[in-house]
Structure formats: C-alpha cells, structure tokens
Amino acid sequence: MAVLSFLCARGLSQRAACRYLNLTRSTFQYQARPDRNAELKTQLQAFAQQKQRRGYRKAWNKLCRSGRQVSKNRVHRLWKQGKLQVKKRVGKKRKPLLKSGSLPLVALYPGHVWSVDFIFDATATGTKLKILTLGDDFTPWAMTSLANVWQSKWRLP
C-alpha cells in the first residue's frame, strides 16, 4: 500500500496506480472497522480464567443473567476463536503390566493351567441358563460343567 500511496503522490490517479499494481480499488480503499466484540472477548476470557471447567454455554448464561443480550452462537464463535475450550481431562495413570504377567501361560502338562468360562443360553420356553465350564488347557476336553437356571448367585452341589 505504500507503493500505491507513492504513485498517487507523484501525480498518478488512484485508478491508474491500482491498474499498474494489479490491485482492485476496493482493496486500496478498505477501512477496517473497529472490533465490536472486544469487550465481550475480555469478559469471556475473564470468565474462562475464573471458571476453568465451565464451557461457553455457562458463559453465555452468565452474560444473559447480567443483563447483556448476546447470541449464543456469537459467544460460541468467540469462545472458539479465543481458544477457551475446556481441556479434556487426562486419564488416571495406571501401573504398567509386568512383563512376565502380560503373556498368557502355556500349559506344559495336565493340571498346569486351568480355565474357567461362563456360557449363557436359553431353553425353548425362554428360561435362561448359565453354564460354568472348568477345563484343563493341556487336555482338549472340559473337566466339568455346572448348569443352573439364571439366578443372582450360584448354588453349587
């Protein structure tokens, strides 16, 4: 824009100078309007610092209660532009698994590793069944199976 002002000061018309620099005259004549959201942005930033776990809806609600009429969409847009979003909570740190306990055991002989499993089924009349199977991982068959009608607790024989 300094070059354009220089050319205009040297006697070239604004239209000719813009054509020479390959600019539209509207770009040269553009006057930026003052930011009408400046006060609202400062209020939102103050709210975000004061109430860190609150979002734009709570901020909008507070503005409405204080008597300020503002659109929720406008508050949301300014909230996002100011990067005031509530940060995601970081999950709880858990202890790492032990290297020896992370892999399942491989059965080396009968009776070394046992598996327990529940199987759920229903009869033709709709009665729910719960079957407990107990098996040895080394042998290909189940050692025992206990069937029971669906109840809150087991009644073992």
N, C-alpha and C. Protein backbone atom coordinates (compact mmCIF):
# COMPACT_ATOMS: atom_id res chain seq x y z
N MET A 1 0.81 -1.19 0.00
CA MET A 1 0.00 0.00 0.00
C MET A 1 0.87 1.26 0.00
N ALA A 2 2.07 1.14 0.51
CA ALA A 2 2.98 2.29 0.50
C ALA A 2 3.35 2.67 -0.94
N VAL A 3 3.51 1.68 -1.79
CA VAL A 3 3.86 1.92 -3.19
C VAL A 3 2.72 2.65 -3.88
N LEU A 4 1.50 2.25 -3.58
CA LEU A 4 0.33 2.88 -4.18
C LEU A 4 0.22 4.33 -3.74
N SER A 5 0.46 4.59 -2.47
CA SER A 5 0.43 5.97 -1.97
C SER A 5 1.53 6.80 -2.64
N PHE A 6 2.69 6.20 -2.85
CA PHE A 6 3.80 6.89 -3.51
C PHE A 6 3.43 7.27 -4.93
N LEU A 7 2.81 6.32 -5.67
CA LEU A 7 2.42 6.60 -7.05
C LEU A 7 1.35 7.69 -7.12
N CYS A 8 0.42 7.65 -6.18
CA CYS A 8 -0.63 8.68 -6.17
C CYS A 8 -0.03 10.05 -5.84
N ALA A 9 0.97 10.09 -4.96
CA ALA A 9 1.62 11.35 -4.60
C ALA A 9 2.41 11.91 -5.78
N ARG A 10 2.88 11.09 -6.69
CA ARG A 10 3.64 11.51 -7.87
C ARG A 10 2.75 11.99 -9.01
N GLY A 11 1.44 11.98 -8.80
CA GLY A 11 0.56 12.54 -9.82
C GLY A 11 -0.24 11.50 -10.58
N LEU A 12 -0.04 10.22 -10.32
CA LEU A 12 -0.80 9.16 -10.99
C LEU A 12 -2.16 9.07 -10.30
N SER A 13 -3.22 8.88 -11.06
CA SER A 13 -4.54 8.75 -10.44
C SER A 13 -4.62 7.42 -9.70
N GLN A 14 -5.55 7.40 -8.79
CA GLN A 14 -5.72 6.17 -7.97
C GLN A 14 -6.09 4.99 -8.86
N ARG A 15 -6.96 5.22 -9.81
CA ARG A 15 -7.39 4.16 -10.71
C ARG A 15 -6.22 3.63 -11.54
N ALA A 16 -5.39 4.51 -12.05
CA ALA A 16 -4.25 4.11 -12.87
C ALA A 16 -3.19 3.40 -12.02
N ALA A 17 -2.98 3.90 -10.81
CA ALA A 17 -1.98 3.27 -9.93
C ALA A 17 -2.43 1.86 -9.55
N CYS A 18 -3.70 1.68 -9.28
CA CYS A 18 -4.22 0.35 -8.93
C CYS A 18 -4.11 -0.59 -10.13
N ARG A 19 -4.39 -0.07 -11.33
CA ARG A 19 -4.27 -0.90 -12.52
C ARG A 19 -2.81 -1.28 -12.76
N TYR A 20 -1.90 -0.34 -12.52
CA TYR A 20 -0.47 -0.59 -12.70
C TYR A 20 0.03 -1.67 -11.73
N LEU A 21 -0.47 -1.69 -10.49
CA LEU A 21 -0.06 -2.68 -9.48
C LEU A 21 -0.94 -3.93 -9.47
N ASN A 22 -1.93 -3.97 -10.38
CA ASN A 22 -2.84 -5.11 -10.49
C ASN A 22 -3.61 -5.33 -9.18
N LEU A 23 -4.13 -4.25 -8.63
CA LEU A 23 -4.96 -4.28 -7.41
C LEU A 23 -6.34 -3.73 -7.72
N THR A 24 -7.32 -4.19 -6.99
CA THR A 24 -8.65 -3.58 -7.11
C THR A 24 -8.68 -2.33 -6.23
N ARG A 25 -9.45 -1.34 -6.66
CA ARG A 25 -9.52 -0.10 -5.88
C ARG A 25 -10.19 -0.31 -4.53
N SER A 26 -11.10 -1.30 -4.46
CA SER A 26 -11.77 -1.56 -3.18
C SER A 26 -10.77 -2.06 -2.14
N THR A 27 -9.73 -2.78 -2.59
CA THR A 27 -8.69 -3.23 -1.66
C THR A 27 -7.92 -2.03 -1.12
N PHE A 28 -7.64 -1.06 -1.97
CA PHE A 28 -6.90 0.11 -1.53
C PHE A 28 -7.74 0.99 -0.60
N GLN A 29 -9.02 1.08 -0.89
CA GLN A 29 -9.89 1.97 -0.13
C GLN A 29 -10.45 1.33 1.14
N TYR A 30 -10.12 0.07 1.37
CA TYR A 30 -10.69 -0.65 2.51
C TYR A 30 -10.27 -0.01 3.83
N GLN A 31 -11.23 0.24 4.69
CA GLN A 31 -11.00 0.76 6.03
C GLN A 31 -11.52 -0.29 7.02
N ALA A 32 -10.65 -0.82 7.85
CA ALA A 32 -11.06 -1.83 8.82
C ALA A 32 -11.97 -1.21 9.87
N ARG A 33 -13.06 -1.90 10.17
CA ARG A 33 -13.98 -1.41 11.19
C ARG A 33 -13.46 -1.79 12.57
N PRO A 34 -13.77 -1.00 13.58
CA PRO A 34 -13.32 -1.37 14.93
C PRO A 34 -14.02 -2.65 15.40
N ASP A 35 -13.31 -3.43 16.21
CA ASP A 35 -13.84 -4.71 16.69
C ASP A 35 -14.94 -4.45 17.72
N ARG A 36 -16.16 -4.83 17.37
CA ARG A 36 -17.28 -4.59 18.30
C ARG A 36 -17.38 -5.69 19.36
N ASN A 37 -16.54 -6.71 19.24
CA ASN A 37 -16.57 -7.82 20.20
C ASN A 37 -15.44 -7.74 21.23
N ALA A 38 -14.69 -6.64 21.26
CA ALA A 38 -13.52 -6.55 22.13
C ALA A 38 -13.92 -6.69 23.61
N GLU A 39 -14.95 -5.97 24.02
CA GLU A 39 -15.38 -6.03 25.42
C GLU A 39 -15.91 -7.43 25.76
N LEU A 40 -16.66 -8.01 24.84
CA LEU A 40 -17.20 -9.35 25.06
C LEU A 40 -16.08 -10.38 25.16
N LYS A 41 -15.03 -10.22 24.33
CA LYS A 41 -13.89 -11.15 24.39
C LYS A 41 -13.20 -11.08 25.75
N THR A 42 -13.02 -9.87 26.27
CA THR A 42 -12.36 -9.75 27.58
C THR A 42 -13.22 -10.35 28.68
N GLN A 43 -14.54 -10.19 28.58
CA GLN A 43 -15.44 -10.80 29.57
C GLN A 43 -15.37 -12.32 29.51
N LEU A 44 -15.33 -12.87 28.30
CA LEU A 44 -15.25 -14.31 28.15
C LEU A 44 -13.91 -14.85 28.66
N GLN A 45 -12.82 -14.14 28.39
CA GLN A 45 -11.51 -14.57 28.89
C GLN A 45 -11.46 -14.54 30.41
N ALA A 46 -12.05 -13.51 30.99
CA ALA A 46 -12.09 -13.42 32.45
C ALA A 46 -12.91 -14.57 33.04
N PHE A 47 -14.03 -14.88 32.39
CA PHE A 47 -14.87 -15.98 32.86
C PHE A 47 -14.13 -17.31 32.74
N ALA A 48 -13.41 -17.50 31.62
CA ALA A 48 -12.69 -18.76 31.40
C ALA A 48 -11.56 -18.94 32.41
N GLN A 49 -10.91 -17.85 32.80
CA GLN A 49 -9.85 -17.95 33.82
C GLN A 49 -10.44 -18.21 35.20
N GLN A 50 -11.58 -17.61 35.46
CA GLN A 50 -12.21 -17.75 36.77
C GLN A 50 -12.83 -19.13 36.94
N LYS A 51 -13.52 -19.60 35.93
CA LYS A 51 -14.21 -20.89 35.96
C LYS A 51 -13.62 -21.78 34.88
N GLN A 52 -12.57 -22.51 35.20
CA GLN A 52 -11.83 -23.24 34.18
C GLN A 52 -12.56 -24.46 33.65
N ARG A 53 -13.41 -25.07 34.41
CA ARG A 53 -14.11 -26.27 33.95
C ARG A 53 -15.51 -25.95 33.41
N ARG A 54 -15.77 -24.71 33.08
CA ARG A 54 -17.06 -24.33 32.51
C ARG A 54 -16.88 -24.04 31.02
N GLY A 55 -17.93 -24.21 30.25
CA GLY A 55 -17.86 -24.01 28.82
C GLY A 55 -18.56 -22.74 28.38
N TYR A 56 -18.74 -22.62 27.06
CA TYR A 56 -19.32 -21.40 26.51
C TYR A 56 -20.78 -21.24 26.90
N ARG A 57 -21.50 -22.34 27.12
CA ARG A 57 -22.92 -22.23 27.49
C ARG A 57 -23.08 -21.57 28.85
N LYS A 58 -22.22 -21.95 29.80
CA LYS A 58 -22.27 -21.32 31.12
C LYS A 58 -21.88 -19.85 31.03
N ALA A 59 -20.91 -19.53 30.17
CA ALA A 59 -20.50 -18.14 29.98
C ALA A 59 -21.65 -17.34 29.38
N TRP A 60 -22.32 -17.92 28.40
CA TRP A 60 -23.47 -17.23 27.79
C TRP A 60 -24.57 -17.02 28.81
N ASN A 61 -24.81 -18.03 29.65
CA ASN A 61 -25.83 -17.93 30.69
C ASN A 61 -25.49 -16.80 31.66
N LYS A 62 -24.22 -16.70 32.04
CA LYS A 62 -23.82 -15.63 32.96
C LYS A 62 -24.01 -14.26 32.32
N LEU A 63 -23.68 -14.14 31.04
CA LEU A 63 -23.87 -12.87 30.33
C LEU A 63 -25.34 -12.48 30.28
N CYS A 64 -26.20 -13.48 30.02
CA CYS A 64 -27.64 -13.20 29.97
C CYS A 64 -28.16 -12.77 31.33
N ARG A 65 -27.69 -13.42 32.39
CA ARG A 65 -28.14 -13.06 33.75
C ARG A 65 -27.65 -11.68 34.17
N SER A 66 -26.52 -11.26 33.62
CA SER A 66 -26.01 -9.93 33.97
C SER A 66 -26.71 -8.83 33.16
N GLY A 67 -27.63 -9.23 32.26
CA GLY A 67 -28.41 -8.25 31.52
C GLY A 67 -27.89 -7.95 30.13
N ARG A 68 -26.89 -8.64 29.69
CA ARG A 68 -26.32 -8.41 28.36
C ARG A 68 -27.03 -9.32 27.37
N GLN A 69 -27.56 -8.74 26.30
CA GLN A 69 -28.24 -9.52 25.28
C GLN A 69 -27.23 -9.87 24.20
N VAL A 70 -26.91 -11.16 24.12
CA VAL A 70 -25.93 -11.61 23.14
C VAL A 70 -26.36 -13.00 22.66
N SER A 71 -26.09 -13.28 21.40
CA SER A 71 -26.47 -14.56 20.81
C SER A 71 -25.56 -15.67 21.32
N LYS A 72 -26.15 -16.84 21.51
CA LYS A 72 -25.35 -17.98 21.95
C LYS A 72 -24.34 -18.37 20.87
N ASN A 73 -24.73 -18.25 19.60
CA ASN A 73 -23.81 -18.59 18.51
C ASN A 73 -22.62 -17.64 18.48
N ARG A 74 -22.87 -16.37 18.79
CA ARG A 74 -21.78 -15.39 18.82
C ARG A 74 -20.80 -15.70 19.94
N VAL A 75 -21.34 -16.06 21.10
CA VAL A 75 -20.49 -16.43 22.23
C VAL A 75 -19.68 -17.67 21.88
N HIS A 76 -20.32 -18.64 21.23
CA HIS A 76 -19.62 -19.87 20.84
C HIS A 76 -18.49 -19.57 19.86
N ARG A 77 -18.75 -18.71 18.87
CA ARG A 77 -17.74 -18.35 17.89
C ARG A 77 -16.55 -17.66 18.55
N LEU A 78 -16.83 -16.71 19.43
CA LEU A 78 -15.75 -16.00 20.12
C LEU A 78 -15.00 -16.92 21.08
N TRP A 79 -15.72 -17.85 21.69
CA TRP A 79 -15.11 -18.81 22.62
C TRP A 79 -14.10 -19.68 21.86
N LYS A 80 -14.49 -20.11 20.65
CA LYS A 80 -13.58 -20.94 19.85
C LYS A 80 -12.42 -20.11 19.30
N GLN A 81 -12.68 -18.88 18.89
CA GLN A 81 -11.61 -18.03 18.37
C GLN A 81 -10.58 -17.73 19.44
N GLY A 82 -11.02 -17.55 20.67
CA GLY A 82 -10.12 -17.28 21.78
C GLY A 82 -9.45 -18.52 22.33
N LYS A 83 -9.78 -19.70 21.76
CA LYS A 83 -9.23 -20.99 22.21
C LYS A 83 -9.45 -21.18 23.71
N LEU A 84 -10.69 -20.95 24.12
CA LEU A 84 -11.05 -21.06 25.54
C LEU A 84 -11.72 -22.38 25.85
N GLN A 85 -11.70 -23.32 24.91
CA GLN A 85 -12.37 -24.60 25.13
C GLN A 85 -11.83 -25.27 26.38
N VAL A 86 -12.72 -25.98 27.03
CA VAL A 86 -12.35 -26.72 28.22
C VAL A 86 -11.45 -27.87 27.78
N LYS A 87 -10.32 -27.99 28.41
CA LYS A 87 -9.37 -29.04 28.05
C LYS A 87 -9.91 -30.39 28.50
N LYS A 88 -9.61 -31.42 27.71
CA LYS A 88 -10.05 -32.75 28.09
C LYS A 88 -9.29 -33.20 29.32
N ARG A 89 -10.00 -33.90 30.17
CA ARG A 89 -9.35 -34.40 31.38
C ARG A 89 -8.37 -35.50 31.01
N VAL A 90 -7.25 -35.48 31.68
CA VAL A 90 -6.25 -36.51 31.46
C VAL A 90 -6.64 -37.73 32.29
N GLY A 91 -6.58 -38.90 31.67
CA GLY A 91 -6.96 -40.12 32.36
C GLY A 91 -6.01 -40.46 33.50
N LYS A 92 -6.47 -41.32 34.37
CA LYS A 92 -5.67 -41.74 35.51
C LYS A 92 -4.49 -42.58 35.02
N LYS A 93 -3.33 -42.30 35.59
CA LYS A 93 -2.16 -43.08 35.22
C LYS A 93 -2.26 -44.45 35.87
N ARG A 94 -2.03 -45.46 35.07
CA ARG A 94 -2.11 -46.82 35.58
C ARG A 94 -0.72 -47.43 35.57
N LYS A 95 -0.54 -48.37 36.46
CA LYS A 95 0.74 -49.05 36.52
C LYS A 95 0.91 -49.92 35.27
N PRO A 96 2.11 -49.97 34.72
CA PRO A 96 2.32 -50.83 33.55
C PRO A 96 2.25 -52.30 33.94
N LEU A 97 1.83 -53.12 32.99
CA LEU A 97 1.76 -54.55 33.25
C LEU A 97 3.16 -55.12 33.41
N LEU A 98 3.26 -56.09 34.27
CA LEU A 98 4.54 -56.76 34.43
C LEU A 98 4.85 -57.56 33.18
N LYS A 99 6.09 -57.61 32.80
CA LYS A 99 6.45 -58.31 31.57
C LYS A 99 6.13 -59.80 31.65
N SER A 100 6.30 -60.37 32.83
CA SER A 100 6.03 -61.81 32.95
C SER A 100 4.52 -62.09 32.96
N GLY A 101 3.71 -61.15 33.45
CA GLY A 101 2.27 -61.38 33.56
C GLY A 101 1.49 -60.91 32.35
N SER A 102 2.15 -60.34 31.36
CA SER A 102 1.42 -59.80 30.23
C SER A 102 1.06 -60.88 29.20
N LEU A 103 1.81 -61.97 29.17
CA LEU A 103 1.52 -63.04 28.22
C LEU A 103 0.77 -64.17 28.93
N PRO A 104 -0.20 -64.80 28.26
CA PRO A 104 -0.90 -65.91 28.90
C PRO A 104 0.04 -67.11 29.08
N LEU A 105 -0.23 -67.84 30.13
CA LEU A 105 0.58 -69.04 30.39
C LEU A 105 0.27 -70.14 29.38
N VAL A 106 1.26 -70.87 28.99
CA VAL A 106 1.09 -72.01 28.09
C VAL A 106 1.21 -73.27 28.95
N ALA A 107 0.20 -74.12 28.81
CA ALA A 107 0.19 -75.35 29.61
C ALA A 107 1.29 -76.30 29.13
N LEU A 108 2.07 -76.81 30.08
CA LEU A 108 3.17 -77.72 29.76
C LEU A 108 2.83 -79.17 30.07
N TYR A 109 1.89 -79.37 30.99
CA TYR A 109 1.49 -80.73 31.38
C TYR A 109 0.07 -80.66 31.93
N PRO A 110 -0.63 -81.78 32.05
CA PRO A 110 -2.01 -81.76 32.56
C PRO A 110 -2.05 -81.22 33.99
N GLY A 111 -3.03 -80.34 34.23
CA GLY A 111 -3.20 -79.75 35.55
C GLY A 111 -2.35 -78.51 35.78
N HIS A 112 -1.61 -78.06 34.78
CA HIS A 112 -0.73 -76.90 34.94
C HIS A 112 -1.53 -75.59 34.84
N VAL A 113 -2.37 -75.44 33.80
CA VAL A 113 -3.16 -74.22 33.60
C VAL A 113 -4.62 -74.61 33.46
N TRP A 114 -5.48 -73.95 34.25
CA TRP A 114 -6.92 -74.22 34.22
C TRP A 114 -7.64 -72.98 33.68
N SER A 115 -8.76 -73.20 33.02
CA SER A 115 -9.57 -72.10 32.50
C SER A 115 -11.00 -72.26 33.01
N VAL A 116 -11.61 -71.11 33.32
CA VAL A 116 -13.00 -71.07 33.78
C VAL A 116 -13.76 -70.19 32.80
N ASP A 117 -14.94 -70.62 32.40
CA ASP A 117 -15.71 -69.86 31.43
C ASP A 117 -17.20 -70.01 31.74
N PHE A 118 -17.96 -68.94 31.48
CA PHE A 118 -19.41 -68.98 31.60
C PHE A 118 -20.01 -69.03 30.21
N ILE A 119 -21.03 -69.85 30.03
CA ILE A 119 -21.77 -69.92 28.78
C ILE A 119 -23.22 -69.60 29.12
N PHE A 120 -23.82 -68.70 28.38
CA PHE A 120 -25.20 -68.30 28.61
C PHE A 120 -26.05 -68.83 27.46
N ASP A 121 -27.22 -69.38 27.80
CA ASP A 121 -28.10 -69.95 26.80
C ASP A 121 -29.53 -69.82 27.31
N ALA A 122 -30.48 -70.23 26.51
CA ALA A 122 -31.88 -70.22 26.90
C ALA A 122 -32.56 -71.47 26.36
N THR A 123 -33.58 -71.94 27.08
CA THR A 123 -34.35 -73.10 26.62
C THR A 123 -35.39 -72.64 25.62
N ALA A 124 -36.12 -73.61 25.03
CA ALA A 124 -37.15 -73.29 24.06
C ALA A 124 -38.29 -72.50 24.70
N THR A 125 -38.50 -72.68 26.00
CA THR A 125 -39.57 -71.95 26.70
C THR A 125 -39.13 -70.57 27.15
N GLY A 126 -37.84 -70.26 27.00
CA GLY A 126 -37.36 -68.93 27.36
C GLY A 126 -36.65 -68.86 28.70
N THR A 127 -36.50 -69.98 29.37
CA THR A 127 -35.78 -69.98 30.64
C THR A 127 -34.29 -69.78 30.37
N LYS A 128 -33.71 -68.82 31.07
CA LYS A 128 -32.30 -68.52 30.85
C LYS A 128 -31.43 -69.49 31.63
N LEU A 129 -30.38 -69.96 30.98
CA LEU A 129 -29.44 -70.88 31.61
C LEU A 129 -28.06 -70.23 31.69
N LYS A 130 -27.36 -70.60 32.75
CA LYS A 130 -25.99 -70.14 32.94
C LYS A 130 -25.16 -71.38 33.20
N ILE A 131 -24.14 -71.62 32.35
CA ILE A 131 -23.35 -72.84 32.45
C ILE A 131 -21.91 -72.46 32.76
N LEU A 132 -21.37 -73.03 33.81
CA LEU A 132 -19.98 -72.83 34.19
C LEU A 132 -19.17 -74.02 33.72
N THR A 133 -18.14 -73.76 32.91
CA THR A 133 -17.28 -74.84 32.45
C THR A 133 -15.89 -74.65 33.06
N LEU A 134 -15.31 -75.74 33.48
CA LEU A 134 -13.97 -75.75 34.06
C LEU A 134 -13.14 -76.72 33.25
N GLY A 135 -12.02 -76.25 32.72
CA GLY A 135 -11.24 -77.11 31.86
C GLY A 135 -9.75 -76.96 32.06
N ASP A 136 -9.04 -78.00 31.66
CA ASP A 136 -7.59 -78.01 31.69
C ASP A 136 -7.11 -77.62 30.30
N ASP A 137 -6.19 -76.65 30.20
CA ASP A 137 -5.74 -76.16 28.90
C ASP A 137 -4.86 -77.15 28.16
N PHE A 138 -4.27 -78.10 28.86
CA PHE A 138 -3.39 -79.07 28.21
C PHE A 138 -4.18 -80.15 27.51
N THR A 139 -5.31 -80.55 28.10
CA THR A 139 -6.16 -81.59 27.51
C THR A 139 -7.27 -80.95 26.70
N PRO A 140 -7.79 -81.62 25.67
CA PRO A 140 -8.76 -81.00 24.79
C PRO A 140 -10.20 -81.02 25.31
N TRP A 141 -10.51 -81.58 26.45
CA TRP A 141 -11.88 -81.66 26.91
C TRP A 141 -12.06 -80.90 28.22
N ALA A 142 -13.33 -80.56 28.49
CA ALA A 142 -13.66 -79.85 29.72
C ALA A 142 -13.73 -80.85 30.87
N MET A 143 -13.24 -80.43 32.02
CA MET A 143 -13.24 -81.30 33.19
C MET A 143 -14.63 -81.43 33.78
N THR A 144 -15.34 -80.30 33.86
CA THR A 144 -16.67 -80.32 34.44
C THR A 144 -17.49 -79.16 33.91
N SER A 145 -18.81 -79.32 33.93
CA SER A 145 -19.73 -78.25 33.54
C SER A 145 -20.86 -78.24 34.55
N LEU A 146 -21.17 -77.06 35.06
CA LEU A 146 -22.27 -76.90 36.01
C LEU A 146 -23.31 -76.00 35.37
N ALA A 147 -24.55 -76.50 35.24
CA ALA A 147 -25.63 -75.71 34.65
C ALA A 147 -26.56 -75.26 35.75
N ASN A 148 -27.11 -74.08 35.61
CA ASN A 148 -28.02 -73.55 36.60
C ASN A 148 -29.01 -72.62 35.90
N VAL A 149 -30.22 -72.55 36.43
CA VAL A 149 -31.19 -71.59 35.93
C VAL A 149 -30.70 -70.22 36.37
N TRP A 150 -30.93 -69.22 35.55
CA TRP A 150 -30.43 -67.87 35.80
C TRP A 150 -30.87 -67.37 37.17
N GLN A 151 -29.92 -67.14 38.05
CA GLN A 151 -30.18 -66.61 39.38
C GLN A 151 -29.08 -65.64 39.72
N SER A 152 -29.29 -64.91 40.80
CA SER A 152 -28.30 -63.91 41.17
C SER A 152 -27.03 -64.57 41.72
N LYS A 153 -27.13 -65.73 42.33
CA LYS A 153 -25.93 -66.40 42.84
C LYS A 153 -26.00 -67.89 42.54
N TRP A 154 -24.85 -68.50 42.57
CA TRP A 154 -24.73 -69.92 42.25
C TRP A 154 -25.01 -70.79 43.45
N ARG A 155 -25.64 -71.91 43.17
CA ARG A 155 -25.82 -72.94 44.20
C ARG A 155 -25.08 -74.17 43.71
N LEU A 156 -23.88 -74.35 44.17
CA LEU A 156 -23.06 -75.47 43.71
C LEU A 156 -23.40 -76.72 44.49
N PRO A 157 -23.35 -77.92 43.84
CA PRO A 157 -23.70 -79.16 44.56
C PRO A 157 -22.62 -79.56 45.54
